[in-house]
Amino acid sequence: MPKPLIGVTTYLDQARWGVWDMPAALLPAQYPRLVQASGGLATMLPPDEPSAAASVVARLDGLVMAGGADVEPVRYGAEPDPRTGPPARARDSWELALIEAALASGTPVLGICRGMQLLNVALGGTLVQHLDGHVESVGVIGRHAVKPVPGTRYASLVPELASVPTYHHQAVDRLGRDLIPSAYAEDGTIEAIELPSPTWALGVQWHPEMGEDLRVMQALTTAAS
């Protein structure tokens, strides 16, 4: 059986390599490595015209919304908090269109950190623009425990209390349409969300690509197969 083709969204930022310093579509190597280790083929999806999203998703077996910049608060009807980062408008527009296309077509989708937040916003939810205690220090991935909600898809994948790699200062506030929480941090922060079956849409607030646990990504690649 051919391996499923998994699209992973990317940053669009200024970058330096070799003698070059120019705009680049960026993706930490841990993302494609996690897809590959979980039985999939990874392809990068840099920002494009939102009108192209449906045709792109039609060529994929699964979709990963990667981490990155804060979602622009205007997307969920809020004024920016002083601690909210600068917007990534090209990513927001493109990735919201990808989510819409994936949900419409039944393509399995996994949101990671920003990707989970964007899934919530795409379905009409809102975000907490700043919370303390979920970033160990700038540029350092920390860890904390998350507890699954019994009966959810996430709990069927990871039934135990799990220590996960984390780096975020925003979180889900009001849940989007039809979404349910499927894991919590010890302080009550929603750490995973999902749509009920048969739709395969899961968001995790942590960074599985920075850890060793393949179960969440393997579930995506299995659904994509």
C-alpha atoms as a PDB file:
ATOM      1  CA  MET A   1       0.000   0.000   0.000  1.00  0.00           C
ATOM      2  CA  PRO A   2       1.416   3.444  -0.891  1.00  0.00           C
ATOM      3  CA  LYS A   3       2.301   5.675   2.015  1.00  0.00           C
ATOM      4  CA  PRO A   4      -0.235   8.487   2.606  1.00  0.00           C
ATOM      5  CA  LEU A   5       0.769  11.963   1.440  1.00  0.00           C
ATOM      6  CA  ILE A   6       0.619  14.379   4.379  1.00  0.00           C
ATOM      7  CA  GLY A   7       0.768  18.122   3.735  1.00  0.00           C
ATOM      8  CA  VAL A   8       2.399  20.248   6.448  1.00  0.00           C
ATOM      9  CA  THR A   9       1.962  24.025   6.530  1.00  0.00           C
ATOM     10  CA  THR A  10       5.053  26.227   6.790  1.00  0.00           C
ATOM     11  CA  TYR A  11       6.339  29.507   8.094  1.00  0.00           C
ATOM     12  CA  LEU A  12       7.052  32.320   5.637  1.00  0.00           C
ATOM     13  CA  ASP A  13       9.889  34.362   7.084  1.00  0.00           C
ATOM     14  CA  GLN A  14      13.270  35.950   6.538  1.00  0.00           C
ATOM     15  CA  ALA A  15      16.026  33.371   6.866  1.00  0.00           C
ATOM     16  CA  ARG A  16      19.787  32.974   6.439  1.00  0.00           C
ATOM     17  CA  TRP A  17      21.647  29.961   5.040  1.00  0.00           C
ATOM     18  CA  GLY A  18      25.004  29.782   3.296  1.00  0.00           C
ATOM     19  CA  VAL A  19      25.552  33.147   1.590  1.00  0.00           C
ATOM     20  CA  TRP A  20      21.820  33.901   1.378  1.00  0.00           C
ATOM     21  CA  ASP A  21      19.560  36.126   3.473  1.00  0.00           C
ATOM     22  CA  MET A  22      16.081  36.272   1.958  1.00  0.00           C
ATOM     23  CA  PRO A  23      12.420  35.363   2.459  1.00  0.00           C
ATOM     24  CA  ALA A  24      11.963  31.604   2.821  1.00  0.00           C
ATOM     25  CA  ALA A  25       9.271  28.996   3.362  1.00  0.00           C
ATOM     26  CA  LEU A  26      10.449  27.354   6.595  1.00  0.00           C
ATOM     27  CA  LEU A  27       9.541  24.169   8.392  1.00  0.00           C
ATOM     28  CA  PRO A  28      11.502  22.702  11.316  1.00  0.00           C
ATOM     29  CA  ALA A  29      12.838  19.319  10.219  1.00  0.00           C
ATOM     30  CA  GLN A  30      11.148  17.629  13.167  1.00  0.00           C
ATOM     31  CA  TYR A  31       7.760  17.904  11.417  1.00  0.00           C
ATOM     32  CA  PRO A  32       8.583  15.883   8.286  1.00  0.00           C
ATOM     33  CA  ARG A  33      10.654  13.485  10.391  1.00  0.00           C
ATOM     34  CA  LEU A  34       7.630  12.814  12.605  1.00  0.00           C
ATOM     35  CA  VAL A  35       5.411  12.248   9.549  1.00  0.00           C
ATOM     36  CA  GLN A  36       7.998   9.892   8.042  1.00  0.00           C
ATOM     37  CA  ALA A  37       8.504   7.990  11.302  1.00  0.00           C
ATOM     38  CA  SER A  38       4.721   7.569  11.506  1.00  0.00           C
ATOM     39  CA  GLY A  39       4.412   5.982   8.076  1.00  0.00           C
ATOM     40  CA  GLY A  40       3.625   8.980   5.878  1.00  0.00           C
ATOM     41  CA  LEU A  41       5.197  11.017   3.099  1.00  0.00           C
ATOM     42  CA  ALA A  42       5.591  14.708   3.999  1.00  0.00           C
ATOM     43  CA  THR A  43       5.113  17.626   1.621  1.00  0.00           C
ATOM     44  CA  MET A  44       5.420  21.319   2.503  1.00  0.00           C
ATOM     45  CA  LEU A  45       2.502  23.718   2.020  1.00  0.00           C
ATOM     46  CA  PRO A  46       3.806  27.308   2.053  1.00  0.00           C
ATOM     47  CA  PRO A  47       1.244  30.138   2.034  1.00  0.00           C
ATOM     48  CA  ASP A  48      -0.625  30.455  -1.257  1.00  0.00           C
ATOM     49  CA  GLU A  49      -3.835  31.992  -2.549  1.00  0.00           C
ATOM     50  CA  PRO A  50      -6.752  30.783  -0.400  1.00  0.00           C
ATOM     51  CA  SER A  51      -8.671  30.024  -3.583  1.00  0.00           C
ATOM     52  CA  ALA A  52      -6.162  27.222  -4.279  1.00  0.00           C
ATOM     53  CA  ALA A  53      -6.777  25.426  -0.979  1.00  0.00           C
ATOM     54  CA  ALA A  54      -9.456  23.003  -2.156  1.00  0.00           C
ATOM     55  CA  SER A  55      -7.410  21.812  -5.138  1.00  0.00           C
ATOM     56  CA  VAL A  56      -4.341  21.333  -2.917  1.00  0.00           C
ATOM     57  CA  VAL A  57      -6.262  19.380  -0.275  1.00  0.00           C
ATOM     58  CA  ALA A  58      -7.773  17.188  -2.998  1.00  0.00           C
ATOM     59  CA  ARG A  59      -4.250  15.911  -3.739  1.00  0.00           C
ATOM     60  CA  LEU A  60      -3.478  15.094  -0.097  1.00  0.00           C
ATOM     61  CA  ASP A  61      -4.373  12.164   2.116  1.00  0.00           C
ATOM     62  CA  GLY A  62      -3.930  14.135   5.338  1.00  0.00           C
ATOM     63  CA  LEU A  63      -3.131  17.633   6.579  1.00  0.00           C
ATOM     64  CA  VAL A  64      -0.968  18.919   9.444  1.00  0.00           C
ATOM     65  CA  MET A  65      -1.337  22.530  10.578  1.00  0.00           C
ATOM     66  CA  ALA A  66       2.067  23.371  12.049  1.00  0.00           C
ATOM     67  CA  GLY A  67       2.933  25.674  14.934  1.00  0.00           C
ATOM     68  CA  GLY A  68       4.054  29.271  14.549  1.00  0.00           C
ATOM     69  CA  ALA A  69       2.915  32.846  15.034  1.00  0.00           C
ATOM     70  CA  ASP A  70      -0.122  33.935  17.035  1.00  0.00           C
ATOM     71  CA  VAL A  71      -3.401  33.958  15.115  1.00  0.00           C
ATOM     72  CA  GLU A  72      -4.418  37.565  14.404  1.00  0.00           C
ATOM     73  CA  PRO A  73      -7.124  38.462  16.972  1.00  0.00           C
ATOM     74  CA  VAL A  74      -9.346  40.081  14.316  1.00  0.00           C
ATOM     75  CA  ARG A  75      -9.956  36.532  13.063  1.00  0.00           C
ATOM     76  CA  TYR A  76     -11.973  35.828  16.213  1.00  0.00           C
ATOM     77  CA  GLY A  77     -13.405  39.307  16.774  1.00  0.00           C
ATOM     78  CA  ALA A  78     -10.964  40.507  19.446  1.00  0.00           C
ATOM     79  CA  GLU A  79      -8.693  43.483  19.942  1.00  0.00           C
ATOM     80  CA  PRO A  80      -4.997  42.544  20.157  1.00  0.00           C
ATOM     81  CA  ASP A  81      -3.527  42.161  23.628  1.00  0.00           C
ATOM     82  CA  PRO A  82      -0.166  43.972  24.031  1.00  0.00           C
ATOM     83  CA  ARG A  83       1.450  40.552  24.547  1.00  0.00           C
ATOM     84  CA  THR A  84       0.090  39.072  21.315  1.00  0.00           C
ATOM     85  CA  GLY A  85       2.748  38.668  18.649  1.00  0.00           C
ATOM     86  CA  PRO A  86       2.753  40.313  15.210  1.00  0.00           C
ATOM     87  CA  PRO A  87       0.300  38.839  12.715  1.00  0.00           C
ATOM     88  CA  ALA A  88       1.148  36.333   9.997  1.00  0.00           C
ATOM     89  CA  ARG A  89      -1.722  37.295   7.711  1.00  0.00           C
ATOM     90  CA  ALA A  90      -0.665  35.231   4.702  1.00  0.00           C
ATOM     91  CA  ARG A  91      -0.506  32.120   6.877  1.00  0.00           C
ATOM     92  CA  ASP A  92      -3.817  32.864   8.581  1.00  0.00           C
ATOM     93  CA  SER A  93      -5.676  33.271   5.284  1.00  0.00           C
ATOM     94  CA  TRP A  94      -4.096  30.233   3.648  1.00  0.00           C
ATOM     95  CA  GLU A  95      -4.389  27.900   6.601  1.00  0.00           C
ATOM     96  CA  LEU A  96      -7.984  28.824   7.403  1.00  0.00           C
ATOM     97  CA  ALA A  97      -8.823  27.998   3.786  1.00  0.00           C
ATOM     98  CA  LEU A  98      -6.974  24.675   4.073  1.00  0.00           C
ATOM     99  CA  ILE A  99      -8.923  23.752   7.207  1.00  0.00           C
ATOM    100  CA  GLU A 100     -12.215  24.638   5.540  1.00  0.00           C
ATOM    101  CA  ALA A 101     -11.305  22.511   2.509  1.00  0.00           C
ATOM    102  CA  ALA A 102     -10.155  19.573   4.643  1.00  0.00           C
ATOM    103  CA  LEU A 103     -13.315  19.560   6.751  1.00  0.00           C
ATOM    104  CA  ALA A 104     -15.504  19.873   3.651  1.00  0.00           C
ATOM    105  CA  SER A 105     -13.754  16.969   1.927  1.00  0.00           C
ATOM    106  CA  GLY A 106     -13.341  14.707   4.944  1.00  0.00           C
ATOM    107  CA  THR A 107      -9.542  14.879   4.765  1.00  0.00           C
ATOM    108  CA  PRO A 108      -8.019  14.025   8.174  1.00  0.00           C
ATOM    109  CA  VAL A 109      -6.456  17.086   9.806  1.00  0.00           C
ATOM    110  CA  LEU A 110      -4.144  17.449  12.810  1.00  0.00           C
ATOM    111  CA  GLY A 111      -3.506  20.887  14.327  1.00  0.00           C
ATOM    112  CA  ILE A 112      -0.322  21.400  16.353  1.00  0.00           C
ATOM    113  CA  CYS A 113      -0.103  24.362  18.784  1.00  0.00           C
ATOM    114  CA  ARG A 114      -1.012  27.327  16.513  1.00  0.00           C
ATOM    115  CA  GLY A 115      -2.687  24.732  14.282  1.00  0.00           C
ATOM    116  CA  MET A 116      -5.010  23.672  17.115  1.00  0.00           C
ATOM    117  CA  GLN A 117      -5.815  27.302  17.862  1.00  0.00           C
ATOM    118  CA  LEU A 118      -6.525  27.977  14.185  1.00  0.00           C
ATOM    119  CA  LEU A 119      -8.827  24.940  13.989  1.00  0.00           C
ATOM    120  CA  ASN A 120     -10.785  26.409  16.890  1.00  0.00           C
ATOM    121  CA  VAL A 121     -10.946  29.848  15.249  1.00  0.00           C
ATOM    122  CA  ALA A 122     -11.970  28.325  11.897  1.00  0.00           C
ATOM    123  CA  LEU A 123     -15.035  26.891  13.623  1.00  0.00           C
ATOM    124  CA  GLY A 124     -15.976  30.150  15.327  1.00  0.00           C
ATOM    125  CA  GLY A 125     -14.105  29.789  18.607  1.00  0.00           C
ATOM    126  CA  THR A 126     -11.958  32.318  20.443  1.00  0.00           C
ATOM    127  CA  LEU A 127      -8.529  32.307  22.105  1.00  0.00           C
ATOM    128  CA  VAL A 128      -6.965  33.352  25.387  1.00  0.00           C
ATOM    129  CA  GLN A 129      -4.328  35.784  24.121  1.00  0.00           C
ATOM    130  CA  HIS A 130      -1.885  35.289  26.977  1.00  0.00           C
ATOM    131  CA  LEU A 131      -1.422  32.858  29.834  1.00  0.00           C
ATOM    132  CA  ASP A 132       1.563  32.222  32.057  1.00  0.00           C
ATOM    133  CA  GLY A 133       3.235  28.965  32.966  1.00  0.00           C
ATOM    134  CA  HIS A 134       3.271  27.163  29.610  1.00  0.00           C
ATOM    135  CA  VAL A 135       6.624  28.506  28.361  1.00  0.00           C
ATOM    136  CA  GLU A 136       9.694  27.478  30.335  1.00  0.00           C
ATOM    137  CA  SER A 137      11.833  30.250  28.834  1.00  0.00           C
ATOM    138  CA  VAL A 138      12.199  31.931  25.444  1.00  0.00           C
ATOM    139  CA  GLY A 139      13.335  29.442  22.840  1.00  0.00           C
ATOM    140  CA  VAL A 140      13.235  26.476  25.214  1.00  0.00           C
ATOM    141  CA  ILE A 141      10.725  23.632  24.879  1.00  0.00           C
ATOM    142  CA  GLY A 142       9.347  22.719  28.302  1.00  0.00           C
ATOM    143  CA  ARG A 143       7.165  19.835  29.450  1.00  0.00           C
ATOM    144  CA  HIS A 144       3.988  19.427  31.428  1.00  0.00           C
ATOM    145  CA  ALA A 145       1.354  16.779  31.993  1.00  0.00           C
ATOM    146  CA  VAL A 146      -1.913  16.518  30.065  1.00  0.00           C
ATOM    147  CA  LYS A 147      -4.870  14.402  31.113  1.00  0.00           C
ATOM    148  CA  PRO A 148      -7.115  12.829  28.467  1.00  0.00           C
ATOM    149  CA  VAL A 149     -10.906  13.100  28.583  1.00  0.00           C
ATOM    150  CA  PRO A 150     -12.345   9.566  28.678  1.00  0.00           C
ATOM    151  CA  GLY A 151     -14.350   8.559  25.638  1.00  0.00           C
ATOM    152  CA  THR A 152     -12.593  10.918  23.225  1.00  0.00           C
ATOM    153  CA  ARG A 153     -10.487  10.036  20.198  1.00  0.00           C
ATOM    154  CA  TYR A 154      -7.392  11.408  21.916  1.00  0.00           C
ATOM    155  CA  ALA A 155      -8.033   9.237  24.986  1.00  0.00           C
ATOM    156  CA  SER A 156      -8.291   6.179  22.733  1.00  0.00           C
ATOM    157  CA  LEU A 157      -4.792   6.996  21.434  1.00  0.00           C
ATOM    158  CA  VAL A 158      -3.154   8.089  24.710  1.00  0.00           C
ATOM    159  CA  PRO A 159      -5.258   6.820  27.619  1.00  0.00           C
ATOM    160  CA  GLU A 160      -2.800   7.777  30.357  1.00  0.00           C
ATOM    161  CA  LEU A 161      -1.655  11.035  31.921  1.00  0.00           C
ATOM    162  CA  ALA A 162       1.204  12.027  29.612  1.00  0.00           C
ATOM    163  CA  SER A 163       4.130  14.422  29.836  1.00  0.00           C
ATOM    164  CA  VAL A 164       4.272  16.413  26.587  1.00  0.00           C
ATOM    165  CA  PRO A 165       6.689  18.938  24.988  1.00  0.00           C
ATOM    166  CA  THR A 166       5.131  22.380  25.198  1.00  0.00           C
ATOM    167  CA  TYR A 167       5.811  25.956  24.108  1.00  0.00           C
ATOM    168  CA  HIS A 168       2.816  28.302  23.948  1.00  0.00           C
ATOM    169  CA  HIS A 169       1.426  31.419  25.586  1.00  0.00           C
ATOM    170  CA  GLN A 170      -2.070  31.293  24.061  1.00  0.00           C
ATOM    171  CA  ALA A 171      -4.856  28.734  24.356  1.00  0.00           C
ATOM    172  CA  VAL A 172      -8.435  27.908  23.441  1.00  0.00           C
ATOM    173  CA  ASP A 173     -11.040  30.043  25.190  1.00  0.00           C
ATOM    174  CA  ARG A 174     -14.563  29.524  23.783  1.00  0.00           C
ATOM    175  CA  LEU A 175     -14.758  26.300  21.820  1.00  0.00           C
ATOM    176  CA  GLY A 176     -15.651  26.460  18.153  1.00  0.00           C
ATOM    177  CA  ARG A 177     -18.690  24.830  16.586  1.00  0.00           C
ATOM    178  CA  ASP A 178     -19.065  21.101  17.417  1.00  0.00           C
ATOM    179  CA  LEU A 179     -15.572  20.893  18.940  1.00  0.00           C
ATOM    180  CA  ILE A 180     -15.101  19.050  22.223  1.00  0.00           C
ATOM    181  CA  PRO A 181     -12.142  19.175  24.631  1.00  0.00           C
ATOM    182  CA  SER A 182     -10.183  15.926  24.755  1.00  0.00           C
ATOM    183  CA  ALA A 183      -7.303  16.745  27.141  1.00  0.00           C
ATOM    184  CA  TYR A 184      -6.530  19.280  29.858  1.00  0.00           C
ATOM    185  CA  ALA A 185      -3.430  20.572  31.606  1.00  0.00           C
ATOM    186  CA  GLU A 186      -3.290  20.461  35.386  1.00  0.00           C
ATOM    187  CA  ASP A 187      -4.256  24.163  35.533  1.00  0.00           C
ATOM    188  CA  GLY A 188      -7.437  23.520  33.513  1.00  0.00           C
ATOM    189  CA  THR A 189      -6.113  24.786  30.170  1.00  0.00           C
ATOM    190  CA  ILE A 190      -7.627  22.903  27.224  1.00  0.00           C
ATOM    191  CA  GLU A 191      -4.738  20.965  25.690  1.00  0.00           C
ATOM    192  CA  ALA A 192      -6.525  18.986  22.951  1.00  0.00           C
ATOM    193  CA  ILE A 193      -9.720  19.433  20.948  1.00  0.00           C
ATOM    194  CA  GLU A 194     -11.470  17.288  18.377  1.00  0.00           C
ATOM    195  CA  LEU A 195     -14.553  16.906  16.247  1.00  0.00           C
ATOM    196  CA  PRO A 196     -16.709  13.874  16.982  1.00  0.00           C
ATOM    197  CA  SER A 197     -16.560  10.904  14.602  1.00  0.00           C
ATOM    198  CA  PRO A 198     -16.797  10.248  11.741  1.00  0.00           C
ATOM    199  CA  THR A 199     -14.855  13.474  11.027  1.00  0.00           C
ATOM    200  CA  TRP A 200     -11.132  13.054  11.776  1.00  0.00           C
ATOM    201  CA  ALA A 201     -10.009  16.416  13.120  1.00  0.00           C
ATOM    202  CA  LEU A 202      -7.782  16.667  16.187  1.00  0.00           C
ATOM    203  CA  GLY A 203      -5.820  19.554  17.668  1.00  0.00           C
ATOM    204  CA  VAL A 204      -3.094  19.310  20.306  1.00  0.00           C
ATOM    205  CA  GLN A 205      -1.652  22.318  22.085  1.00  0.00           C
ATOM    206  CA  TRP A 206       1.760  20.725  22.542  1.00  0.00           C
ATOM    207  CA  HIS A 207       4.498  19.830  20.052  1.00  0.00           C
ATOM    208  CA  PRO A 208       4.581  16.072  19.342  1.00  0.00           C
ATOM    209  CA  GLU A 209       7.326  16.665  16.775  1.00  0.00           C
ATOM    210  CA  MET A 210       9.623  17.618  19.655  1.00  0.00           C
ATOM    211  CA  GLY A 211       9.079  14.350  21.526  1.00  0.00           C
ATOM    212  CA  GLU A 212       9.328  10.604  21.010  1.00  0.00           C
ATOM    213  CA  ASP A 213       5.649   9.633  21.178  1.00  0.00           C
ATOM    214  CA  LEU A 214       4.364   8.778  17.682  1.00  0.00           C
ATOM    215  CA  ARG A 215       0.807   7.835  18.622  1.00  0.00           C
ATOM    216  CA  VAL A 216      -0.968  11.047  17.602  1.00  0.00           C
ATOM    217  CA  MET A 217       0.776  11.339  14.244  1.00  0.00           C
ATOM    218  CA  GLN A 218       0.429   7.617  13.596  1.00  0.00           C
ATOM    219  CA  ALA A 219      -3.315   8.003  14.119  1.00  0.00           C
ATOM    220  CA  LEU A 220      -3.385  10.731  11.463  1.00  0.00           C
ATOM    221  CA  THR A 221      -1.428   8.663   8.951  1.00  0.00           C
ATOM    222  CA  THR A 222      -3.623   5.638   9.631  1.00  0.00           C
ATOM    223  CA  ALA A 223      -6.760   7.714   9.042  1.00  0.00           C
ATOM    224  CA  ALA A 224      -5.156   9.176   5.909  1.00  0.00           C
ATOM    225  CA  SER A 225      -4.493   5.678   4.578  1.00  0.00           C
END
